[in-house]
Amino acid sequence: NTDDISRMQLLREQAKARLGQALEPPGELSQEELRELVHDYQVHQIELEIQNEELRNILLKLQETKDQLALARDRYARLFDEAPVGYLVVDSNEVIVQANQTFADMVGEEADRLHGVGFADYILPADRGAFHGRFRAFFKHPEGKELDFRLIGMNGELHVRCTAKDESESPTSATGEPWKRILLLVQDVSSRVQAEKALRNSEQQYRELYEHAPVGIFESTPEGRYLGLNSEYARIAGYT
């Protein structure tokens, strides 16, 4: 810190002055002057030892802080890379600034090779137009919004859902202007999409069987109020 630097500067100046005095012919020194000179050097020797001990303590604390920062950085890197969802940092031009290994595995690439690549390059061509049209508004105010589209996955087409948030600390350009970037969470929802599609197909099949059954079918409350009925029951009952 500043105080340590000032003290060291003062010690250097004192040492330089004393060295200059030592190089001059000493002349005749009295016994008292010799005792004072020896005492003075002993005091400064102790001061230097104290300063060295303080510096060793400072260096030890700096090393401990450095180790803690390195540990925290490694922990963050592992969490970022091993997260069960894809993480991307994307700029306003849809360019990938950083990607975790989970997203890289989705598209069959190495994570470090995705830096500087356009995100849209991995979007299914049929979905790119809609993505470009919505991305600008999404980028400007990402909180609470979602983007659904399909990726060109390593093993085929992937349905993904993206949510995002602003980076808490954005770097600045050479002119001092902030470079806005967003952190994009990419979740593979292919199995959910397939399940929803299967459910819709099942409901459609049930509806067709219900409507075209050769027997009358109806639903009602326990009191006998109709909730639903098919065409054959309406025909039997004489109603539309």
Protein backbone atom coordinates (compact mmCIF):
# COMPACT_ATOMS: atom_id res chain seq x y z
CA ASN A 1 0.00 0.00 0.00
CA THR A 2 0.95 3.67 -0.14
CA ASP A 3 2.37 3.77 3.41
CA ASP A 4 4.68 0.80 2.74
CA ILE A 5 5.91 2.38 -0.49
CA SER A 6 6.60 5.70 1.27
CA ARG A 7 8.55 4.01 4.06
CA MET A 8 10.63 2.02 1.60
CA GLN A 9 11.35 5.17 -0.40
CA LEU A 10 12.48 6.94 2.77
CA LEU A 11 14.75 4.03 3.72
CA ARG A 12 16.30 4.02 0.25
CA GLU A 13 16.99 7.76 0.48
CA GLN A 14 18.54 7.38 3.93
CA ALA A 15 20.69 4.47 2.78
CA LYS A 16 21.85 6.46 -0.24
CA ALA A 17 22.78 9.44 1.95
CA ARG A 18 24.66 7.23 4.40
CA LEU A 19 26.49 5.50 1.59
CA GLY A 20 27.59 8.90 0.32
CA GLN A 21 28.85 9.80 3.78
CA ALA A 22 30.67 6.50 4.09
CA LEU A 23 32.59 7.12 0.87
CA GLU A 24 33.97 10.42 2.22
CA PRO A 25 37.17 10.37 4.31
CA PRO A 26 35.94 9.80 7.87
CA GLY A 27 38.62 11.86 9.52
CA GLU A 28 39.13 11.58 13.21
CA LEU A 29 36.11 10.25 15.14
CA SER A 30 35.83 10.37 18.88
CA GLN A 31 34.91 7.34 20.94
CA GLU A 32 31.44 8.82 21.53
CA GLU A 33 30.91 9.43 17.79
CA LEU A 34 31.92 5.83 17.03
CA ARG A 35 29.44 4.52 19.61
CA GLU A 36 26.67 6.69 18.13
CA LEU A 37 27.55 5.53 14.59
CA VAL A 38 27.46 1.85 15.57
CA HIS A 39 24.19 2.37 17.46
CA ASP A 40 22.69 4.19 14.49
CA TYR A 41 23.57 1.32 12.13
CA GLN A 42 22.16 -1.24 14.56
CA VAL A 43 18.88 0.68 14.79
CA HIS A 44 18.58 0.85 11.02
CA GLN A 45 19.46 -2.84 10.73
CA ILE A 46 16.55 -3.65 13.06
CA GLU A 47 14.27 -1.34 11.05
CA LEU A 48 15.24 -3.11 7.84
CA GLU A 49 14.58 -6.52 9.40
CA ILE A 50 11.15 -5.33 10.55
CA GLN A 51 10.43 -4.00 7.07
CA ASN A 52 11.53 -7.29 5.53
CA GLU A 53 9.24 -9.20 7.89
CA GLU A 54 6.34 -6.91 6.99
CA LEU A 55 7.05 -7.39 3.31
CA ARG A 56 7.15 -11.17 3.75
CA ASN A 57 3.76 -11.03 5.48
CA ILE A 58 2.35 -8.85 2.69
CA LEU A 59 3.67 -11.22 0.02
CA LEU A 60 2.22 -14.18 1.93
CA LYS A 61 -1.20 -12.51 2.10
CA LEU A 62 -1.01 -11.60 -1.59
CA GLN A 63 -0.20 -15.20 -2.47
CA GLU A 64 -3.10 -16.45 -0.32
CA THR A 65 -5.44 -14.00 -2.04
CA LYS A 66 -4.10 -15.05 -5.43
CA ASP A 67 -4.67 -18.73 -4.57
CA GLN A 68 -8.22 -17.99 -3.40
CA LEU A 69 -8.98 -16.08 -6.61
CA ALA A 70 -7.56 -18.91 -8.72
CA LEU A 71 -9.67 -21.43 -6.78
CA ALA A 72 -12.81 -19.32 -7.23
CA ARG A 73 -12.05 -18.89 -10.95
CA ASP A 74 -11.55 -22.64 -11.40
CA ARG A 75 -14.75 -23.36 -9.49
CA TYR A 76 -16.70 -20.92 -11.69
CA ALA A 77 -15.15 -22.41 -14.83
CA ARG A 78 -16.21 -25.93 -13.78
CA LEU A 79 -19.74 -24.78 -12.94
CA PHE A 80 -19.96 -22.91 -16.24
CA ASP A 81 -18.69 -25.81 -18.34
CA GLU A 82 -20.42 -28.66 -16.52
CA ALA A 83 -23.85 -27.04 -16.15
CA PRO A 84 -26.69 -29.28 -17.42
CA VAL A 85 -27.80 -26.54 -19.83
CA GLY A 86 -25.97 -24.59 -22.50
CA TYR A 87 -24.55 -21.18 -21.57
CA LEU A 88 -23.54 -18.56 -24.11
CA VAL A 89 -22.34 -14.97 -23.94
CA VAL A 90 -23.59 -13.25 -27.11
CA ASP A 91 -23.08 -9.70 -28.36
CA SER A 92 -25.53 -7.46 -30.24
CA ASN A 93 -24.37 -8.86 -33.62
CA GLU A 94 -25.40 -12.40 -32.61
CA VAL A 95 -21.71 -13.37 -32.29
CA ILE A 96 -20.70 -15.88 -29.64
CA VAL A 97 -18.21 -14.42 -27.16
CA GLN A 98 -18.06 -17.44 -24.86
CA ALA A 99 -19.72 -20.86 -24.76
CA ASN A 100 -19.68 -23.65 -22.22
CA GLN A 101 -18.93 -27.27 -23.01
CA THR A 102 -22.58 -28.31 -22.70
CA PHE A 103 -23.62 -26.09 -25.59
CA ALA A 104 -20.53 -27.15 -27.56
CA ASP A 105 -21.59 -30.79 -27.12
CA MET A 106 -25.08 -29.90 -28.39
CA VAL A 107 -23.69 -28.68 -31.71
CA GLY A 108 -20.70 -31.05 -31.91
CA GLU A 109 -17.93 -28.45 -31.55
CA GLU A 110 -15.11 -27.63 -29.17
CA ALA A 111 -16.02 -24.78 -26.79
CA ASP A 112 -12.93 -22.70 -27.58
CA ARG A 113 -13.67 -22.86 -31.33
CA LEU A 114 -17.06 -21.19 -30.90
CA HIS A 115 -15.58 -17.82 -29.96
CA GLY A 116 -16.28 -15.30 -32.72
CA VAL A 117 -18.75 -17.57 -34.56
CA GLY A 118 -22.24 -16.35 -35.44
CA PHE A 119 -24.87 -18.00 -33.25
CA ALA A 120 -27.27 -18.21 -36.18
CA ASP A 121 -24.83 -20.55 -37.96
CA TYR A 122 -26.10 -23.31 -35.68
CA ILE A 123 -29.79 -22.50 -36.08
CA LEU A 124 -31.85 -24.54 -38.52
CA PRO A 125 -32.12 -22.53 -41.78
CA ALA A 126 -35.93 -22.60 -41.67
CA ASP A 127 -35.84 -20.85 -38.25
CA ARG A 128 -33.13 -18.25 -38.92
CA GLY A 129 -35.46 -15.62 -40.34
CA ALA A 130 -37.73 -15.66 -37.32
CA PHE A 131 -34.70 -15.64 -35.01
CA HIS A 132 -33.16 -12.58 -36.71
CA GLY A 133 -36.51 -10.79 -36.58
CA ARG A 134 -36.94 -11.29 -32.85
CA PHE A 135 -33.34 -11.15 -31.64
CA ARG A 136 -32.90 -7.35 -31.66
CA ALA A 137 -35.89 -6.77 -29.38
CA PHE A 138 -34.92 -9.78 -27.31
CA PHE A 139 -31.37 -8.46 -26.91
CA LYS A 140 -32.53 -4.98 -25.93
CA HIS A 141 -34.84 -6.21 -23.15
CA PRO A 142 -34.13 -9.91 -22.51
CA GLU A 143 -35.56 -10.20 -18.99
CA GLY A 144 -38.66 -12.37 -18.83
CA LYS A 145 -38.60 -13.25 -22.55
CA GLU A 146 -38.06 -16.58 -24.29
CA LEU A 147 -36.96 -17.62 -27.75
CA ASP A 148 -37.89 -21.03 -29.16
CA PHE A 149 -36.20 -22.37 -32.29
CA ARG A 150 -34.35 -25.40 -33.61
CA LEU A 151 -30.61 -25.99 -33.59
CA ILE A 152 -28.51 -28.08 -35.94
CA GLY A 153 -27.45 -30.57 -33.30
CA MET A 154 -24.64 -33.07 -33.39
CA ASN A 155 -27.15 -35.92 -33.58
CA GLY A 156 -29.84 -34.13 -35.56
CA GLU A 157 -32.41 -31.42 -35.01
CA LEU A 158 -32.75 -29.99 -31.50
CA HIS A 159 -35.66 -27.98 -30.17
CA VAL A 160 -34.28 -25.39 -27.74
CA ARG A 161 -35.68 -22.66 -25.53
CA CYS A 162 -33.53 -19.62 -24.75
CA THR A 163 -33.80 -17.26 -21.81
CA ALA A 164 -31.32 -14.48 -21.11
CA LYS A 165 -30.15 -11.76 -18.77
CA ASP A 166 -27.81 -8.80 -19.10
CA GLU A 167 -24.21 -9.28 -18.08
CA SER A 168 -23.65 -7.59 -14.72
CA GLU A 169 -20.28 -6.21 -15.84
CA SER A 170 -19.76 -5.37 -19.49
CA PRO A 171 -16.35 -4.43 -20.92
CA THR A 172 -15.80 -1.14 -22.70
CA SER A 173 -14.37 -0.34 -26.10
CA ALA A 174 -11.30 1.82 -26.76
CA THR A 175 -13.58 4.88 -26.84
CA GLY A 176 -15.04 4.03 -23.45
CA GLU A 177 -18.42 2.95 -24.80
CA PRO A 178 -19.87 -0.15 -23.09
CA TRP A 179 -20.18 -3.32 -25.14
CA LYS A 180 -23.54 -4.76 -24.16
CA ARG A 181 -23.68 -8.53 -24.08
CA ILE A 182 -26.20 -11.00 -22.74
CA LEU A 183 -25.84 -14.32 -21.00
CA LEU A 184 -27.98 -16.80 -22.91
CA LEU A 185 -29.29 -20.00 -21.32
CA VAL A 186 -30.00 -22.64 -23.99
CA GLN A 187 -32.16 -25.55 -22.84
CA ASP A 188 -32.81 -28.64 -24.93
CA VAL A 189 -36.59 -29.12 -24.88
CA SER A 190 -36.75 -31.72 -27.68
CA SER A 191 -38.18 -34.42 -25.42
CA ARG A 192 -40.81 -32.00 -24.10
CA VAL A 193 -41.76 -30.92 -27.62
CA GLN A 194 -42.04 -34.55 -28.71
CA ALA A 195 -44.18 -35.39 -25.66
CA GLU A 196 -46.47 -32.43 -26.34
CA LYS A 197 -46.76 -33.47 -29.98
CA ALA A 198 -47.60 -37.04 -28.98
CA LEU A 199 -50.20 -35.74 -26.53
CA ARG A 200 -51.82 -33.58 -29.22
CA ASN A 201 -51.90 -36.54 -31.60
CA SER A 202 -53.46 -38.71 -28.91
CA GLU A 203 -56.09 -36.08 -28.14
CA GLN A 204 -56.84 -35.72 -31.85
CA GLN A 205 -57.26 -39.47 -32.22
CA TYR A 206 -59.54 -39.59 -29.19
CA ARG A 207 -61.58 -36.69 -30.52
CA GLU A 208 -62.00 -38.40 -33.92
CA LEU A 209 -63.05 -41.69 -32.27
CA TYR A 210 -65.42 -39.80 -29.99
CA GLU A 211 -67.03 -37.85 -32.82
CA HIS A 212 -67.33 -40.72 -35.29
CA ALA A 213 -68.21 -43.58 -32.95
CA PRO A 214 -71.22 -45.66 -34.16
CA VAL A 215 -72.78 -45.38 -30.69
CA GLY A 216 -74.02 -42.43 -28.71
CA ILE A 217 -71.59 -41.05 -26.08
CA PHE A 218 -72.26 -38.25 -23.63
CA GLU A 219 -70.88 -36.74 -20.43
CA SER A 220 -73.00 -35.18 -17.72
CA THR A 221 -73.01 -33.95 -14.16
CA PRO A 222 -74.43 -36.26 -11.46
CA GLU A 223 -77.62 -34.19 -11.72
CA GLY A 224 -77.92 -35.01 -15.43
CA ARG A 225 -76.75 -31.72 -16.96
CA TYR A 226 -74.94 -32.35 -20.26
CA LEU A 227 -71.24 -31.51 -20.40
CA GLY A 228 -70.54 -32.97 -23.82
CA LEU A 229 -71.87 -35.42 -26.38
CA ASN A 230 -71.05 -36.82 -29.79
CA SER A 231 -73.01 -36.53 -33.00
CA GLU A 232 -74.53 -40.02 -32.78
CA TYR A 233 -76.02 -39.31 -29.34
CA ALA A 234 -77.45 -36.01 -30.57
CA ARG A 235 -79.04 -37.88 -33.51
CA ILE A 236 -80.54 -40.49 -31.17
CA ALA A 237 -81.90 -37.78 -28.87
CA GLY A 238 -83.27 -35.81 -31.82
CA TYR A 239 -81.05 -32.73 -31.38
CA THR A 240 -78.29 -31.10 -33.35
